[in-house]
N, C-alpha and C. Protein backbone atom coordinates (compact mmCIF):
# COMPACT_ATOMS: atom_id res chain seq x y z
N MET A 1 0.69 -1.03 -0.28
CA MET A 1 0.13 -0.24 0.08
C MET A 1 0.44 1.44 -0.09
N GLY A 2 0.52 2.09 -0.61
CA GLY A 2 1.45 3.60 -0.60
C GLY A 2 0.92 4.39 0.56
N VAL A 3 1.62 5.78 0.31
CA VAL A 3 1.49 6.76 1.40
C VAL A 3 0.37 7.03 1.93
N ASN A 4 -0.16 7.33 2.99
CA ASN A 4 -1.31 7.74 3.14
C ASN A 4 -1.58 9.61 3.41
N TYR A 5 -1.21 9.97 2.32
CA TYR A 5 -1.21 11.20 2.39
C TYR A 5 -2.17 12.26 3.64
N LYS A 6 -2.88 11.60 3.94
CA LYS A 6 -3.99 12.47 4.67
C LYS A 6 -3.17 12.59 6.43
N SER A 7 -2.33 11.96 6.61
CA SER A 7 -1.25 11.90 7.53
C SER A 7 -0.71 13.43 7.77
N PHE A 8 -0.52 13.73 6.14
CA PHE A 8 0.17 15.27 6.16
C PHE A 8 -1.06 16.17 6.55
N HIS A 9 -2.16 15.97 6.59
CA HIS A 9 -3.12 17.21 5.76
C HIS A 9 -3.29 17.81 7.32
N ARG A 10 -3.34 19.30 7.08
CA ARG A 10 -3.44 20.23 8.59
C ARG A 10 -3.48 21.65 8.08
N ILE A 11 -3.77 22.23 8.97
CA ILE A 11 -4.01 23.59 8.62
C ILE A 11 -3.10 24.16 8.28
N LEU A 12 -2.83 25.41 6.88
CA LEU A 12 -1.61 25.63 6.52
C LEU A 12 -2.27 27.16 6.75
N ARG A 13 -1.33 28.27 7.33
CA ARG A 13 -1.54 29.32 7.96
C ARG A 13 -0.81 30.51 6.81
N GLY A 14 -1.37 31.18 6.36
CA GLY A 14 -1.14 32.37 5.47
C GLY A 14 -1.11 33.74 5.98
N ARG A 15 -0.77 34.96 5.59
CA ARG A 15 -0.88 36.30 5.95
C ARG A 15 -2.42 36.56 5.63
N THR A 16 -3.45 36.37 4.98
CA THR A 16 -4.37 36.71 4.47
C THR A 16 -5.54 35.90 4.65
N VAL A 17 -4.96 34.35 4.70
CA VAL A 17 -6.17 33.49 4.50
C VAL A 17 -5.16 32.16 5.36
N ASP A 18 -6.24 31.00 5.80
CA ASP A 18 -5.62 29.80 6.35
C ASP A 18 -6.50 29.19 5.70
N LEU A 19 -5.51 27.98 5.25
CA LEU A 19 -6.23 26.42 4.69
C LEU A 19 -6.80 25.45 5.43
N VAL A 20 -7.89 25.22 5.79
CA VAL A 20 -8.51 24.51 7.14
C VAL A 20 -9.03 22.84 6.05
N PRO A 21 -8.12 22.00 6.55
CA PRO A 21 -9.02 20.56 6.18
C PRO A 21 -10.39 20.28 6.34
N MET A 22 -10.89 20.39 5.01
CA MET A 22 -12.31 20.25 5.09
C MET A 22 -13.02 18.96 6.10
N CYS A 23 -14.22 19.03 6.20
CA CYS A 23 -14.56 18.30 7.15
C CYS A 23 -16.03 18.78 7.25
N ASP A 24 -17.34 18.03 7.96
CA ASP A 24 -18.41 18.25 8.14
C ASP A 24 -19.27 19.35 8.51
N GLU A 25 -18.96 20.23 9.19
CA GLU A 25 -19.04 21.17 9.85
C GLU A 25 -19.09 22.69 8.30
N HIS A 26 -18.03 22.21 7.68
CA HIS A 26 -17.88 22.84 6.41
C HIS A 26 -19.02 23.44 5.35
N THR A 27 -20.18 22.01 5.39
CA THR A 27 -21.13 21.27 4.58
C THR A 27 -21.62 23.02 4.16
N PRO A 28 -22.51 23.74 4.62
CA PRO A 28 -23.32 24.39 4.42
C PRO A 28 -22.67 25.53 3.57
N ASP A 29 -21.32 25.84 3.93
CA ASP A 29 -20.34 26.81 3.52
C ASP A 29 -20.00 26.41 1.78
N VAL A 30 -19.69 24.71 2.16
CA VAL A 30 -19.37 24.26 0.67
C VAL A 30 -20.23 24.04 -0.59
N VAL A 31 -21.60 23.97 0.10
CA VAL A 31 -22.96 23.53 -0.57
C VAL A 31 -22.83 25.09 -1.59
N ARG A 32 -22.74 26.38 -0.52
CA ARG A 32 -23.06 27.40 -0.94
C ARG A 32 -22.21 28.20 -2.05
N LEU A 33 -20.61 27.76 -1.81
CA LEU A 33 -20.19 27.82 -3.00
C LEU A 33 -20.13 27.82 -3.97
N ARG A 34 -20.26 26.02 -4.35
CA ARG A 34 -20.59 25.23 -4.97
C ARG A 34 -21.51 25.92 -5.89
N ASN A 35 -22.68 26.17 -5.25
CA ASN A 35 -24.12 26.33 -5.87
C ASN A 35 -23.99 27.57 -6.94
N SER A 36 -22.73 28.68 -6.63
CA SER A 36 -23.04 29.49 -7.07
C SER A 36 -22.70 29.84 -8.68
N PRO A 37 -23.76 30.48 -9.47
CA PRO A 37 -23.74 30.72 -10.99
C PRO A 37 -22.07 30.80 -11.31
N TYR A 38 -21.21 31.29 -10.77
CA TYR A 38 -20.02 31.59 -11.63
C TYR A 38 -19.30 30.27 -11.43
N VAL A 39 -19.25 30.09 -10.10
CA VAL A 39 -18.67 28.16 -10.20
C VAL A 39 -19.30 26.98 -10.82
N ARG A 40 -20.63 27.23 -11.07
CA ARG A 40 -21.06 26.04 -11.78
C ARG A 40 -21.06 25.88 -13.10
N GLN A 41 -20.94 26.82 -14.02
CA GLN A 41 -20.47 27.41 -15.12
C GLN A 41 -19.22 26.39 -15.65
N TYR A 42 -17.96 26.28 -14.65
CA TYR A 42 -16.64 25.76 -14.79
C TYR A 42 -16.81 24.59 -14.37
N PHE A 43 -17.79 23.99 -13.41
CA PHE A 43 -17.49 22.81 -12.61
C PHE A 43 -17.92 21.89 -13.41
N ASP A 44 -18.79 21.77 -14.44
CA ASP A 44 -19.30 20.72 -15.29
C ASP A 44 -20.14 19.68 -14.54
N GLU A 45 -21.14 19.81 -13.18
CA GLU A 45 -21.87 19.20 -12.34
C GLU A 45 -23.35 19.36 -13.09
N GLU A 46 -24.00 18.50 -13.26
CA GLU A 46 -25.55 18.72 -13.64
C GLU A 46 -26.38 19.20 -12.34
N ASN A 47 -26.45 18.96 -11.34
CA ASN A 47 -27.11 18.72 -10.10
C ASN A 47 -26.44 19.67 -9.17
N LEU A 48 -27.56 20.58 -8.54
CA LEU A 48 -26.53 21.30 -7.44
C LEU A 48 -26.47 20.27 -6.43
N ALA A 49 -25.26 21.36 -5.70
CA ALA A 49 -24.88 20.21 -4.50
C ALA A 49 -25.84 20.46 -3.32
N THR A 50 -25.95 19.61 -2.36
CA THR A 50 -26.66 19.52 -1.32
C THR A 50 -25.86 19.09 -0.22
N ALA A 51 -26.53 19.10 0.83
CA ALA A 51 -26.02 18.99 2.26
C ALA A 51 -25.95 17.22 2.08
N GLU A 52 -27.14 16.63 1.76
CA GLU A 52 -26.78 15.21 1.46
C GLU A 52 -25.93 14.85 0.62
N SER A 53 -25.29 15.29 -0.76
CA SER A 53 -24.38 15.18 -1.79
C SER A 53 -23.26 15.35 -1.22
N HIS A 54 -23.19 16.11 -0.41
CA HIS A 54 -21.79 16.83 0.16
C HIS A 54 -21.08 15.77 1.19
N SER A 55 -21.71 15.48 2.16
CA SER A 55 -22.08 14.25 3.01
C SER A 55 -21.49 13.44 2.04
N THR A 56 -22.13 12.35 1.23
CA THR A 56 -21.75 11.31 0.97
C THR A 56 -20.06 11.69 0.32
N PHE A 57 -20.24 12.88 -0.59
CA PHE A 57 -18.80 12.89 -1.17
C PHE A 57 -17.84 12.77 -0.20
N LEU A 58 -18.33 13.44 1.37
CA LEU A 58 -16.72 13.67 2.56
C LEU A 58 -16.61 12.14 2.68
N LYS A 59 -17.70 11.32 2.87
CA LYS A 59 -17.77 9.71 2.98
C LYS A 59 -16.38 9.04 2.22
N SER A 60 -16.98 9.16 1.19
CA SER A 60 -15.93 8.56 0.06
C SER A 60 -14.41 9.28 -0.27
N TYR A 61 -14.57 10.87 0.24
CA TYR A 61 -12.74 11.04 0.37
C TYR A 61 -12.38 11.08 1.34
N ALA A 62 -12.93 10.41 2.42
CA ALA A 62 -11.88 10.04 3.57
C ALA A 62 -11.70 9.12 3.24
N GLU A 63 -11.84 7.80 1.92
CA GLU A 63 -11.34 6.78 1.74
C GLU A 63 -10.36 7.10 0.94
N LYS A 64 -10.00 8.12 0.56
CA LYS A 64 -8.95 8.66 -0.41
C LYS A 64 -7.67 8.99 0.15
N PRO A 65 -6.58 8.09 0.33
CA PRO A 65 -5.38 8.32 0.72
C PRO A 65 -4.62 9.71 -0.04
N ASP A 66 -4.93 10.06 -1.57
CA ASP A 66 -4.38 10.68 -2.00
C ASP A 66 -4.93 11.87 -2.56
N ASP A 67 -5.84 12.40 -1.40
CA ASP A 67 -6.82 13.44 -1.65
C ASP A 67 -6.43 14.39 -0.59
N LEU A 68 -6.53 15.73 -0.73
CA LEU A 68 -6.77 16.69 0.27
C LEU A 68 -7.35 17.52 0.40
N TYR A 69 -8.31 18.25 0.81
CA TYR A 69 -9.07 19.15 0.58
C TYR A 69 -9.36 20.08 1.52
N TRP A 70 -8.97 21.86 1.31
CA TRP A 70 -9.19 22.59 2.37
C TRP A 70 -10.22 23.38 2.49
N CYS A 71 -10.71 24.32 2.98
CA CYS A 71 -11.76 25.17 3.16
C CYS A 71 -10.72 26.37 3.19
N VAL A 72 -11.08 27.08 2.29
CA VAL A 72 -10.44 28.72 2.44
C VAL A 72 -10.76 29.77 3.80
N CYS A 73 -9.89 30.14 4.50
CA CYS A 73 -10.40 30.84 5.45
C CYS A 73 -10.07 31.91 5.76
N SER A 74 -10.93 33.13 5.89
CA SER A 74 -10.47 34.31 5.91
C SER A 74 -9.75 34.71 7.62
N LYS A 75 -9.18 35.69 7.92
CA LYS A 75 -8.29 36.03 9.05
C LYS A 75 -9.67 35.83 10.01
N ASP A 76 -10.97 36.24 9.75
CA ASP A 76 -12.03 36.44 10.39
C ASP A 76 -12.79 34.99 10.78
N ASN A 77 -12.64 33.99 10.29
CA ASN A 77 -13.01 32.74 10.55
C ASN A 77 -13.83 32.40 9.66
N LYS A 78 -14.15 33.10 8.39
CA LYS A 78 -15.50 32.91 7.17
C LYS A 78 -14.78 32.14 5.88
N ILE A 79 -15.37 31.29 6.22
CA ILE A 79 -14.51 30.09 4.81
C ILE A 79 -15.24 31.00 3.35
N ILE A 80 -14.44 31.10 2.92
CA ILE A 80 -14.30 32.05 1.46
C ILE A 80 -14.37 30.88 0.50
N GLY A 81 -13.60 29.90 0.37
CA GLY A 81 -13.59 29.11 -0.81
C GLY A 81 -12.76 27.94 -0.50
N THR A 82 -12.27 27.34 -1.38
CA THR A 82 -12.06 25.61 -1.10
C THR A 82 -10.86 25.46 -2.15
N ASN A 83 -10.03 24.63 -1.91
CA ASN A 83 -8.50 24.02 -2.28
C ASN A 83 -8.53 22.81 -2.42
N ARG A 84 -7.73 22.14 -3.15
CA ARG A 84 -7.34 20.71 -3.43
C ARG A 84 -6.05 20.28 -4.11
N LEU A 85 -5.49 19.65 -3.43
CA LEU A 85 -4.36 18.77 -3.83
C LEU A 85 -4.41 17.09 -3.89
N ASN A 86 -4.77 16.57 -4.89
CA ASN A 86 -5.18 15.14 -5.66
C ASN A 86 -4.54 14.20 -6.22
N GLU A 87 -4.47 13.14 -6.47
CA GLU A 87 -3.90 12.19 -7.73
C GLU A 87 -2.51 12.62 -6.74
N ILE A 88 -2.21 12.58 -5.63
CA ILE A 88 -0.61 12.78 -5.16
C ILE A 88 -0.34 11.28 -5.60
N ASP A 89 1.10 11.02 -6.28
CA ASP A 89 1.52 9.74 -6.05
C ASP A 89 3.12 9.44 -5.69
N GLY A 90 3.57 10.67 -4.73
CA GLY A 90 4.88 10.57 -4.41
C GLY A 90 5.94 11.35 -5.16
N LYS A 91 5.80 11.60 -6.32
CA LYS A 91 6.17 12.68 -7.32
C LYS A 91 5.30 14.04 -8.17
N THR A 92 4.01 13.30 -7.94
CA THR A 92 2.92 14.44 -8.70
C THR A 92 1.83 14.37 -7.84
N GLY A 93 1.11 15.85 -8.08
CA GLY A 93 0.01 16.08 -7.52
C GLY A 93 -0.60 16.96 -8.53
N CYS A 94 -1.90 16.68 -8.45
CA CYS A 94 -3.07 17.87 -9.12
C CYS A 94 -3.60 18.81 -8.46
N LYS A 95 -3.75 19.75 -8.67
CA LYS A 95 -4.53 20.94 -7.75
C LYS A 95 -5.84 20.98 -8.58
N GLY A 96 -6.96 21.86 -7.46
CA GLY A 96 -8.19 22.13 -8.42
C GLY A 96 -9.10 22.35 -7.35
N SER A 97 -10.13 22.45 -7.66
CA SER A 97 -11.41 22.77 -6.83
C SER A 97 -11.28 24.25 -6.13
N GLN A 98 -10.23 24.73 -7.00
CA GLN A 98 -10.38 26.12 -6.17
C GLN A 98 -11.68 26.88 -6.27
N ILE A 99 -12.01 27.49 -5.56
CA ILE A 99 -13.39 28.67 -5.06
C ILE A 99 -12.58 29.42 -4.33
N ILE A 100 -13.19 30.65 -4.93
CA ILE A 100 -13.16 32.17 -4.08
C ILE A 100 -14.14 32.63 -4.12
N ASP A 101 -15.19 33.15 -3.03
CA ASP A 101 -16.47 33.60 -3.21
C ASP A 101 -15.94 35.40 -4.13
N ARG A 102 -17.44 35.08 -4.53
CA ARG A 102 -17.17 36.27 -5.22
C ARG A 102 -17.55 37.24 -4.48
N GLU A 103 -17.68 37.60 -3.38
CA GLU A 103 -17.46 38.98 -2.43
C GLU A 103 -16.44 39.14 -1.85
N CYS A 104 -15.20 37.91 -1.84
CA CYS A 104 -13.73 38.19 -1.64
C CYS A 104 -13.08 38.54 -2.93
N ALA A 105 -13.42 38.88 -3.64
CA ALA A 105 -12.80 38.89 -5.29
C ALA A 105 -11.67 40.09 -4.90
N PHE A 106 -11.80 41.00 -4.23
CA PHE A 106 -11.24 42.06 -3.99
C PHE A 106 -9.82 42.00 -3.77
N GLY A 107 -9.03 41.20 -2.91
CA GLY A 107 -7.76 40.35 -1.88
C GLY A 107 -7.39 39.64 -2.82
N PRO A 108 -6.07 39.27 -2.26
CA PRO A 108 -5.62 38.53 -2.58
C PRO A 108 -5.44 36.77 -1.94
N PHE A 109 -6.71 36.61 -2.20
CA PHE A 109 -7.13 35.30 -1.19
C PHE A 109 -6.95 33.97 -2.15
N ALA A 110 -7.20 34.34 -3.44
CA ALA A 110 -7.05 33.30 -4.08
C ALA A 110 -5.96 33.07 -4.52
N LEU A 111 -4.88 33.91 -4.53
CA LEU A 111 -3.00 33.88 -5.08
C LEU A 111 -2.60 32.99 -3.85
N GLU A 112 -2.87 33.56 -2.35
CA GLU A 112 -2.41 33.44 -1.41
C GLU A 112 -2.79 31.74 -1.01
N SER A 113 -4.08 31.40 -1.35
CA SER A 113 -4.60 30.14 -0.95
C SER A 113 -3.70 29.40 -1.83
N GLU A 114 -3.60 29.31 -3.42
CA GLU A 114 -2.66 28.51 -4.28
C GLU A 114 -0.68 28.74 -3.85
N LEU A 115 -0.44 29.68 -3.04
CA LEU A 115 1.17 29.58 -2.37
C LEU A 115 0.66 28.91 -1.87
N LEU A 116 -0.40 28.54 -0.59
CA LEU A 116 0.11 27.58 0.63
C LEU A 116 0.20 26.18 0.00
N LEU A 117 -0.69 25.98 -1.27
CA LEU A 117 -1.28 24.50 -1.50
C LEU A 117 0.16 24.41 -2.27
N LEU A 118 0.82 25.29 -2.89
CA LEU A 118 1.86 25.09 -3.26
C LEU A 118 3.19 24.98 -2.85
N GLU A 119 3.34 25.45 -1.61
CA GLU A 119 4.37 25.34 -1.02
C GLU A 119 4.38 23.98 -0.12
N PHE A 120 3.47 23.69 0.54
CA PHE A 120 3.02 22.22 1.21
C PHE A 120 3.17 21.44 0.05
N ALA A 121 2.69 20.96 -1.18
CA ALA A 121 2.89 19.94 -2.08
C ALA A 121 4.37 19.81 -2.06
N TYR A 122 5.41 21.32 -2.80
CA TYR A 122 6.90 21.04 -2.66
C TYR A 122 7.66 20.77 -1.46
N ASP A 123 7.46 21.41 -0.02
CA ASP A 123 7.96 21.71 0.86
C ASP A 123 7.72 20.28 1.55
N VAL A 124 6.46 20.10 2.04
CA VAL A 124 6.07 19.48 3.20
C VAL A 124 5.56 17.80 2.09
N LEU A 125 5.59 17.51 1.43
CA LEU A 125 4.96 16.44 0.26
C LEU A 125 6.46 16.17 -0.88
N GLN A 126 7.14 17.00 -0.94
CA GLN A 126 8.39 16.89 -1.77
C GLN A 126 7.84 16.44 -2.93
N LEU A 127 6.63 16.91 -3.37
CA LEU A 127 6.45 16.62 -5.23
C LEU A 127 7.81 16.96 -5.65
N GLU A 128 7.78 16.92 -7.10
CA GLU A 128 8.27 17.34 -8.55
C GLU A 128 7.32 18.06 -9.28
N ILE A 129 6.13 17.76 -9.32
CA ILE A 129 5.42 18.47 -10.28
C ILE A 129 3.88 18.30 -9.69
N VAL A 130 3.65 19.41 -10.21
CA VAL A 130 2.16 19.83 -9.60
C VAL A 130 1.62 20.00 -11.14
N ARG A 131 0.38 18.96 -11.42
CA ARG A 131 -0.62 19.75 -12.60
C ARG A 131 -1.61 20.44 -12.06
N ALA A 132 -2.46 20.91 -13.08
CA ALA A 132 -3.50 21.77 -12.78
C ALA A 132 -4.68 21.33 -14.25
N ILE A 133 -5.70 20.99 -14.25
CA ILE A 133 -6.50 20.69 -15.65
C ILE A 133 -7.31 21.40 -15.33
N ILE A 134 -7.33 22.23 -16.75
CA ILE A 134 -8.41 23.41 -16.89
C ILE A 134 -8.98 23.68 -18.08
N ARG A 135 -10.13 23.98 -17.93
CA ARG A 135 -11.37 24.53 -19.21
C ARG A 135 -10.64 25.98 -19.73
N PRO A 136 -9.87 25.26 -21.36
CA PRO A 136 -9.44 26.17 -21.97
C PRO A 136 -10.21 28.25 -22.22
N ASP A 137 -11.49 27.70 -22.02
CA ASP A 137 -12.86 28.62 -21.57
C ASP A 137 -12.53 29.29 -20.44
N ASN A 138 -11.76 29.33 -19.62
CA ASN A 138 -12.02 29.88 -18.32
C ASN A 138 -10.99 30.67 -18.44
N LEU A 139 -10.36 31.43 -19.05
CA LEU A 139 -9.76 32.49 -18.98
C LEU A 139 -9.02 33.05 -18.28
N LYS A 140 -9.99 33.49 -16.96
CA LYS A 140 -8.95 33.88 -15.67
C LYS A 140 -8.43 32.82 -14.87
N VAL A 141 -8.73 31.88 -14.79
CA VAL A 141 -7.77 30.55 -14.28
C VAL A 141 -6.65 30.04 -15.22
N VAL A 142 -6.65 30.48 -16.12
CA VAL A 142 -5.51 30.13 -17.61
C VAL A 142 -4.28 31.11 -16.71
N SER A 143 -5.34 32.62 -16.98
CA SER A 143 -3.97 33.48 -16.78
C SER A 143 -3.40 33.30 -15.47
N PHE A 144 -4.17 33.15 -14.48
CA PHE A 144 -3.94 33.09 -13.15
C PHE A 144 -2.80 31.88 -12.78
N ASN A 145 -3.19 30.92 -13.51
CA ASN A 145 -2.19 29.69 -13.47
C ASN A 145 -0.82 30.00 -13.90
N GLU A 146 -0.59 30.98 -15.44
CA GLU A 146 0.18 31.04 -16.05
C GLU A 146 1.32 32.12 -15.04
N ARG A 147 0.82 33.09 -14.68
CA ARG A 147 1.23 33.70 -13.84
C ARG A 147 2.02 33.42 -12.43
N LEU A 148 1.65 32.22 -12.04
CA LEU A 148 2.21 31.46 -11.33
C LEU A 148 3.48 30.23 -12.06
N GLY A 149 3.35 30.21 -13.30
CA GLY A 149 4.85 29.39 -13.47
C GLY A 149 4.23 28.45 -14.30
N PHE A 150 2.76 28.06 -14.52
CA PHE A 150 2.43 26.57 -14.68
C PHE A 150 2.57 26.65 -16.38
N LYS A 151 3.03 25.87 -17.37
CA LYS A 151 3.20 25.48 -18.35
C LYS A 151 2.10 24.63 -19.28
N ILE A 152 1.82 24.94 -20.55
CA ILE A 152 0.72 23.82 -21.13
C ILE A 152 1.42 22.40 -21.66
N LYS A 153 0.67 21.43 -20.91
CA LYS A 153 2.01 20.17 -21.37
C LYS A 153 0.83 19.80 -22.30
N GLY A 154 -0.52 19.42 -22.43
CA GLY A 154 -1.32 18.58 -23.50
C GLY A 154 -3.03 19.30 -23.17
N SER A 155 -3.77 18.86 -24.21
CA SER A 155 -5.24 18.51 -23.83
C SER A 155 -5.85 17.46 -24.33
N TYR A 156 -6.93 16.43 -23.35
CA TYR A 156 -7.68 15.91 -23.63
C TYR A 156 -8.89 16.34 -23.26
N ALA A 157 -9.71 15.43 -23.75
CA ALA A 157 -11.32 15.22 -23.50
C ALA A 157 -11.78 14.65 -22.15
N LEU A 158 -12.48 15.16 -21.17
CA LEU A 158 -13.33 14.72 -20.13
C LEU A 158 -14.37 14.96 -19.46
N ARG A 159 -15.49 13.46 -19.71
CA ARG A 159 -16.40 14.10 -19.41
C ARG A 159 -17.18 14.88 -20.54
N GLY A 160 -16.63 14.30 -22.14
CA GLY A 160 -17.31 15.09 -22.97
C GLY A 160 -16.67 16.71 -23.40
N ARG A 161 -15.97 17.44 -21.96
CA ARG A 161 -15.08 18.49 -22.65
C ARG A 161 -14.09 18.57 -22.59
N MET A 162 -13.52 18.98 -23.51
CA MET A 162 -11.63 19.82 -23.65
C MET A 162 -11.27 20.24 -22.50
N TYR A 163 -10.08 19.67 -22.00
CA TYR A 163 -9.54 20.53 -20.78
C TYR A 163 -8.11 20.24 -21.42
N ASP A 164 -7.40 21.14 -21.02
CA ASP A 164 -5.80 21.71 -21.54
C ASP A 164 -5.00 21.30 -19.74
N GLU A 165 -4.17 20.36 -19.65
CA GLU A 165 -3.18 20.24 -18.01
C GLU A 165 -1.85 20.85 -18.90
N TYR A 166 -1.99 21.94 -17.12
CA TYR A 166 -0.46 22.37 -17.32
C TYR A 166 0.11 21.84 -16.14
N ILE A 167 1.55 22.18 -16.21
CA ILE A 167 1.92 21.80 -15.32
C ILE A 167 3.42 22.81 -14.81
N LEU A 168 3.64 22.73 -13.63
CA LEU A 168 4.41 23.15 -12.54
C LEU A 168 5.62 22.80 -12.13
N ALA A 169 6.56 22.40 -12.63
CA ALA A 169 8.00 21.60 -11.93
C ALA A 169 8.23 22.41 -10.25
N ARG A 170 8.66 21.63 -9.88
CA ARG A 170 9.18 22.13 -8.34
C ARG A 170 10.31 23.64 -8.46
N GLN A 171 11.37 23.29 -9.73
CA GLN A 171 12.44 24.73 -9.51
C GLN A 171 11.67 26.01 -10.49
N ALA A 172 10.45 25.66 -10.91
CA ALA A 172 9.45 26.61 -11.61
C ALA A 172 8.66 27.95 -10.51
N PHE A 173 8.79 27.15 -9.70
CA PHE A 173 8.04 27.80 -8.73
C PHE A 173 8.57 28.91 -7.88
N LYS A 174 8.29 30.02 -7.80
CA LYS A 174 8.70 31.31 -7.13
C LYS A 174 8.13 31.73 -6.52
N PRO A 175 7.63 31.40 -5.30
CA PRO A 175 6.81 32.09 -4.36
C PRO A 175 7.20 33.76 -4.33
N GLN A 176 8.42 33.45 -3.66
CA GLN A 176 9.07 34.93 -3.70
C GLN A 176 9.13 36.17 -4.62
N ASP A 177 7.89 35.69 -5.60
CA ASP A 177 8.01 36.94 -6.60
C ASP A 177 6.66 37.31 -6.24
N PHE A 178 5.83 36.66 -5.11
CA PHE A 178 4.63 37.44 -4.78
C PHE A 178 4.74 37.82 -3.06
N ALA A 179 5.35 37.77 -2.63
CA ALA A 179 5.52 37.76 -1.40
C ALA A 179 5.05 39.41 -0.54
N SER A 180 5.72 40.21 -1.83
CA SER A 180 5.53 41.76 -1.30
C SER A 180 4.17 42.03 -2.12
N LEU A 181 3.37 41.36 -2.40
CA LEU A 181 2.25 41.61 -2.94
C LEU A 181 1.26 41.52 -1.57
N ILE A 182 1.54 40.17 -1.36
CA ILE A 182 0.66 39.47 0.12
C ILE A 182 0.93 40.21 0.99
N GLU A 183 2.06 40.65 1.56
CA GLU A 183 2.06 41.29 2.37
C GLU A 183 1.67 42.70 2.53
N HIS A 184 1.59 43.48 1.49
CA HIS A 184 0.82 44.91 1.33
C HIS A 184 -0.01 44.66 1.78
N PHE A 185 -1.43 43.52 0.80
CA PHE A 185 -2.59 43.29 1.14
C PHE A 185 -2.74 42.69 2.92
N ALA A 186 -1.99 42.01 3.38
CA ALA A 186 -1.76 41.67 4.77
C ALA A 186 -1.87 43.06 5.84
N THR A 187 -0.79 43.76 5.34
CA THR A 187 -0.50 44.94 6.22
C THR A 187 -1.77 46.02 5.89
N ARG A 188 -2.65 45.81 4.70
CA ARG A 188 -3.18 46.81 4.38
C ARG A 188 -4.70 46.23 5.12
N MET A 189 -5.11 44.74 5.13
CA MET A 189 -6.32 44.26 5.93
C MET A 189 -6.33 44.46 7.39
N ALA A 190 -4.90 44.23 7.96
CA ALA A 190 -4.46 44.38 9.41
C ALA A 190 -4.94 46.01 10.25
N MET A 191 -4.74 46.93 9.01
CA MET A 191 -5.02 48.36 9.86
C MET A 191 -6.66 48.55 9.29
N GLN A 192 -7.20 47.63 8.59
CA GLN A 192 -8.87 48.06 8.35
C GLN A 192 -9.76 47.39 9.27
N ARG A 193 -8.65 46.39 10.38
CA ARG A 193 -9.38 45.57 11.23
C ARG A 193 -9.32 46.61 12.17
N SER A 194 -8.41 47.11 12.34
CA SER A 194 -7.76 47.12 14.03
C SER A 194 -8.90 49.19 13.92
């Protein structure tokens, strides 16, 4: 049997957000986020998410040792999104399921959420490559991942729709390029809270 990556699952603390391992108590927020029209257009799901469907998902998710799912929490402990690293095999993993609530789109939350996940993948899990499977018509996410350094590797059909596969090798990941931006927003947000 392979490694149970769930043993590495923990809270990842950032300057503007924290990634908290997903659990049952997050269900109402996750269902709300997944049912948002701007999310549904890219998630290719026929049915709306429900508390029951999410609970069923969490039971099967608990059985997957190569799948780590977090809720993105603001510093005032509100769930504002999700992020995930799955298909982990010791050398690679696939990131996805990132959602950031549209109400929070003004800040660096998506960026820091991705940076925390990637730092965890490379520094803690010691992965060599992180993959991302993205619909080519999701231009914001394509651009966002390209800014992080992801390069397109190829395309393939999944559930009757075309997707592009992007990869980011460990040596190409440059979190320091975003450090001053994250710090700027963290300082500004701290000043607004006080």
